[in-house]
C-alpha atoms as a PDB file:
ATOM      1  CA  UNK A   1      11.346   7.050  11.338  1.00  0.00           C
ATOM      2  CA  UNK A   2       8.301   8.657  12.910  1.00  0.00           C
ATOM      3  CA  UNK A   3       7.815  11.007   9.959  1.00  0.00           C
ATOM      4  CA  UNK A   4       8.010   8.075   7.536  1.00  0.00           C
ATOM      5  CA  UNK A   5       5.507   6.182   9.688  1.00  0.00           C
ATOM      6  CA  UNK A   6       3.094   9.125   9.539  1.00  0.00           C
ATOM      7  CA  UNK A   7       3.394   9.334   5.731  1.00  0.00           C
ATOM      8  CA  UNK A   8       2.748   5.595   5.447  1.00  0.00           C
ATOM      9  CA  UNK A   9      -0.169   5.644   7.895  1.00  0.00           C
ATOM     10  CA  UNK A  10      -1.855   8.417   5.909  1.00  0.00           C
ATOM     11  CA  UNK A  11      -1.161   6.526   2.693  1.00  0.00           C
ATOM     12  CA  UNK A  12      -2.632   3.291   4.064  1.00  0.00           C
ATOM     13  CA  UNK A  13      -5.814   4.970   5.283  1.00  0.00           C
ATOM     14  CA  UNK A  14      -6.179   6.948   2.051  1.00  0.00           C
ATOM     15  CA  UNK A  15      -5.672   3.797  -0.010  1.00  0.00           C
ATOM     16  CA  UNK A  16      -8.457   1.912   1.738  1.00  0.00           C
ATOM     17  CA  UNK A  17     -10.918   4.796   2.100  1.00  0.00           C
ATOM     18  CA  UNK A  18     -10.440   6.306  -1.346  1.00  0.00           C
ATOM     19  CA  UNK A  19     -10.348   2.861  -2.913  1.00  0.00           C
ATOM     20  CA  UNK A  20     -13.737   2.056  -1.430  1.00  0.00           C
ATOM     21  CA  UNK A  21     -15.221   5.418  -2.407  1.00  0.00           C
ATOM     22  CA  UNK A  22     -13.750   5.838  -5.870  1.00  0.00           C
ATOM     23  CA  UNK A  23     -13.259   2.307  -7.161  1.00  0.00           C
ATOM     24  CA  UNK A  24     -14.560  -0.635  -5.174  1.00  0.00           C
ATOM     25  CA  UNK A  25     -17.901   0.912  -4.275  1.00  0.00           C
ATOM     26  CA  UNK A  26     -18.631   1.490  -7.952  1.00  0.00           C
ATOM     27  CA  UNK A  27     -17.879  -2.025  -9.141  1.00  0.00           C
ATOM     28  CA  UNK A  28     -20.888  -4.092 -10.103  1.00  0.00           C
ATOM     29  CA  UNK A  29     -19.935  -7.644  -9.080  1.00  0.00           C
ATOM     30  CA  UNK A  30     -22.309  -9.040 -11.694  1.00  0.00           C
ATOM     31  CA  UNK A  31     -20.521  -7.392 -14.612  1.00  0.00           C
ATOM     32  CA  UNK A  32     -17.051  -7.976 -15.943  1.00  0.00           C
ATOM     33  CA  UNK A  33     -15.631 -10.339 -13.346  1.00  0.00           C
ATOM     34  CA  UNK A  34     -14.344 -13.770 -14.181  1.00  0.00           C
ATOM     35  CA  UNK A  35     -16.056 -16.549 -12.334  1.00  0.00           C
ATOM     36  CA  UNK A  36     -13.970 -17.624  -9.369  1.00  0.00           C
ATOM     37  CA  UNK A  37     -14.868 -20.955  -7.821  1.00  0.00           C
ATOM     38  CA  UNK A  38     -18.179 -20.736  -9.711  1.00  0.00           C
ATOM     39  CA  UNK A  39     -19.109 -17.365  -8.219  1.00  0.00           C
ATOM     40  CA  UNK A  40     -19.017 -13.837  -9.641  1.00  0.00           C
ATOM     41  CA  UNK A  41     -19.678 -12.477  -6.147  1.00  0.00           C
ATOM     42  CA  UNK A  42     -16.701 -14.385  -4.732  1.00  0.00           C
ATOM     43  CA  UNK A  43     -14.487 -12.834  -7.420  1.00  0.00           C
ATOM     44  CA  UNK A  44     -15.662  -9.340  -6.418  1.00  0.00           C
ATOM     45  CA  UNK A  45     -15.184 -10.104  -2.714  1.00  0.00           C
ATOM     46  CA  UNK A  46     -11.673 -11.408  -3.404  1.00  0.00           C
ATOM     47  CA  UNK A  47     -10.763  -8.228  -5.264  1.00  0.00           C
ATOM     48  CA  UNK A  48     -12.123  -6.084  -2.424  1.00  0.00           C
ATOM     49  CA  UNK A  49     -10.175  -8.059   0.202  1.00  0.00           C
ATOM     50  CA  UNK A  50      -7.024  -7.970  -1.913  1.00  0.00           C
ATOM     51  CA  UNK A  51      -7.379  -4.198  -2.322  1.00  0.00           C
ATOM     52  CA  UNK A  52      -7.108  -3.733   1.451  1.00  0.00           C
ATOM     53  CA  UNK A  53      -4.091  -6.010   1.945  1.00  0.00           C
ATOM     54  CA  UNK A  54      -1.511  -3.308   1.073  1.00  0.00           C
ATOM     55  CA  UNK A  55      -3.082  -1.051   3.696  1.00  0.00           C
ATOM     56  CA  UNK A  56      -2.839  -3.783   6.305  1.00  0.00           C
ATOM     57  CA  UNK A  57       0.770  -4.523   5.364  1.00  0.00           C
ATOM     58  CA  UNK A  58       1.470  -0.786   5.415  1.00  0.00           C
ATOM     59  CA  UNK A  59       0.170  -0.700   8.985  1.00  0.00           C
ATOM     60  CA  UNK A  60       2.727  -3.383   9.879  1.00  0.00           C
ATOM     61  CA  UNK A  61       5.521  -1.243   8.445  1.00  0.00           C
ATOM     62  CA  UNK A  62       4.170   1.747  10.383  1.00  0.00           C
ATOM     63  CA  UNK A  63       4.320  -0.324  13.572  1.00  0.00           C
ATOM     64  CA  UNK A  64       7.929  -1.281  12.848  1.00  0.00           C
ATOM     65  CA  UNK A  65       8.930   2.338  12.224  1.00  0.00           C
ATOM     66  CA  UNK A  66       7.089   3.671  15.278  1.00  0.00           C
ATOM     67  CA  UNK A  67       8.860   1.067  17.377  1.00  0.00           C
ATOM     68  CA  UNK A  68      12.074   2.756  16.178  1.00  0.00           C
ATOM     69  CA  UNK A  69      14.021  -0.275  15.083  1.00  0.00           C
ATOM     70  CA  UNK A  70      17.767   0.041  15.407  1.00  0.00           C
ATOM     71  CA  UNK A  71      18.582  -3.279  13.837  1.00  0.00           C
ATOM     72  CA  UNK A  72      20.266  -2.322  10.541  1.00  0.00           C
ATOM     73  CA  UNK A  73      18.763  -5.369   8.808  1.00  0.00           C
ATOM     74  CA  UNK A  74      15.215  -4.344   9.749  1.00  0.00           C
ATOM     75  CA  UNK A  75      15.765  -0.767   8.650  1.00  0.00           C
ATOM     76  CA  UNK A  76      17.348  -1.865   5.366  1.00  0.00           C
ATOM     77  CA  UNK A  77      14.534  -4.351   4.729  1.00  0.00           C
ATOM     78  CA  UNK A  78      11.900  -1.666   5.298  1.00  0.00           C
ATOM     79  CA  UNK A  79      13.848   0.785   3.123  1.00  0.00           C
ATOM     80  CA  UNK A  80      14.223  -1.734   0.292  1.00  0.00           C
ATOM     81  CA  UNK A  81      10.511  -2.539   0.484  1.00  0.00           C
ATOM     82  CA  UNK A  82       9.521   1.126   0.313  1.00  0.00           C
ATOM     83  CA  UNK A  83      11.836   1.770  -2.633  1.00  0.00           C
ATOM     84  CA  UNK A  84      10.487  -1.291  -4.455  1.00  0.00           C
ATOM     85  CA  UNK A  85       6.910  -0.122  -3.876  1.00  0.00           C
ATOM     86  CA  UNK A  86       7.745   3.354  -5.214  1.00  0.00           C
ATOM     87  CA  UNK A  87       9.404   1.926  -8.329  1.00  0.00           C
ATOM     88  CA  UNK A  88       6.644  -0.579  -9.084  1.00  0.00           C
ATOM     89  CA  UNK A  89       3.864   1.998  -8.746  1.00  0.00           C
ATOM     90  CA  UNK A  90       5.805   4.605 -10.726  1.00  0.00           C
ATOM     91  CA  UNK A  91       6.475   2.218 -13.597  1.00  0.00           C
ATOM     92  CA  UNK A  92       3.101   0.457 -13.603  1.00  0.00           C
ATOM     93  CA  UNK A  93       1.109   3.695 -13.627  1.00  0.00           C
ATOM     94  CA  UNK A  94       3.607   5.893 -15.478  1.00  0.00           C
ATOM     95  CA  UNK A  95       3.619   8.228 -12.453  1.00  0.00           C
ATOM     96  CA  UNK A  96      -0.158   8.790 -12.641  1.00  0.00           C
ATOM     97  CA  UNK A  97      -0.913   7.144  -9.286  1.00  0.00           C
ATOM     98  CA  UNK A  98       0.278   9.259  -6.319  1.00  0.00           C
ATOM     99  CA  UNK A  99       1.405   6.221  -4.346  1.00  0.00           C
ATOM    100  CA  UNK A 100       4.888   6.391  -5.866  1.00  0.00           C
ATOM    101  CA  UNK A 101       5.371   9.827  -4.344  1.00  0.00           C
ATOM    102  CA  UNK A 102       4.263   8.735  -0.870  1.00  0.00           C
ATOM    103  CA  UNK A 103       6.588   5.717  -0.964  1.00  0.00           C
ATOM    104  CA  UNK A 104       9.454   7.851  -2.270  1.00  0.00           C
ATOM    105  CA  UNK A 105       8.992  10.384   0.540  1.00  0.00           C
ATOM    106  CA  UNK A 106       8.835   7.603   3.131  1.00  0.00           C
ATOM    107  CA  UNK A 107      11.943   5.991   1.596  1.00  0.00           C
ATOM    108  CA  UNK A 108      13.914   9.216   1.812  1.00  0.00           C
ATOM    109  CA  UNK A 109      12.814   9.798   5.413  1.00  0.00           C
ATOM    110  CA  UNK A 110      13.861   6.269   6.444  1.00  0.00           C
ATOM    111  CA  UNK A 111      17.142   6.615   4.572  1.00  0.00           C
ATOM    112  CA  UNK A 112      17.952   9.918   6.289  1.00  0.00           C
ATOM    113  CA  UNK A 113      17.157   8.533   9.755  1.00  0.00           C
ATOM    114  CA  UNK A 114      19.036   5.244   9.487  1.00  0.00           C
END
């Protein structure tokens, strides 16, 4: 569980940091965004906040794994979530985004330790 938590913690930090550096920091909020509640800036801010939500949720999963849950339901719920994340990213990006690999590794580590 600890190894899976480490993989997920690295993934969460990388997602937020690299997302800011490579994607979000380069977005011009005045170009190409739909108006949201009459504001282009609000649309850009919403996208930025939404980008960081998976990292925050990943931190919650890390906390669960570090706590070493022994409740089979909790472990199975975390495992199912990690597998679903791996599948969605793999399919949506045709394996071009490395997130599928991180979630697959974490899934295998949780599965082996359950």
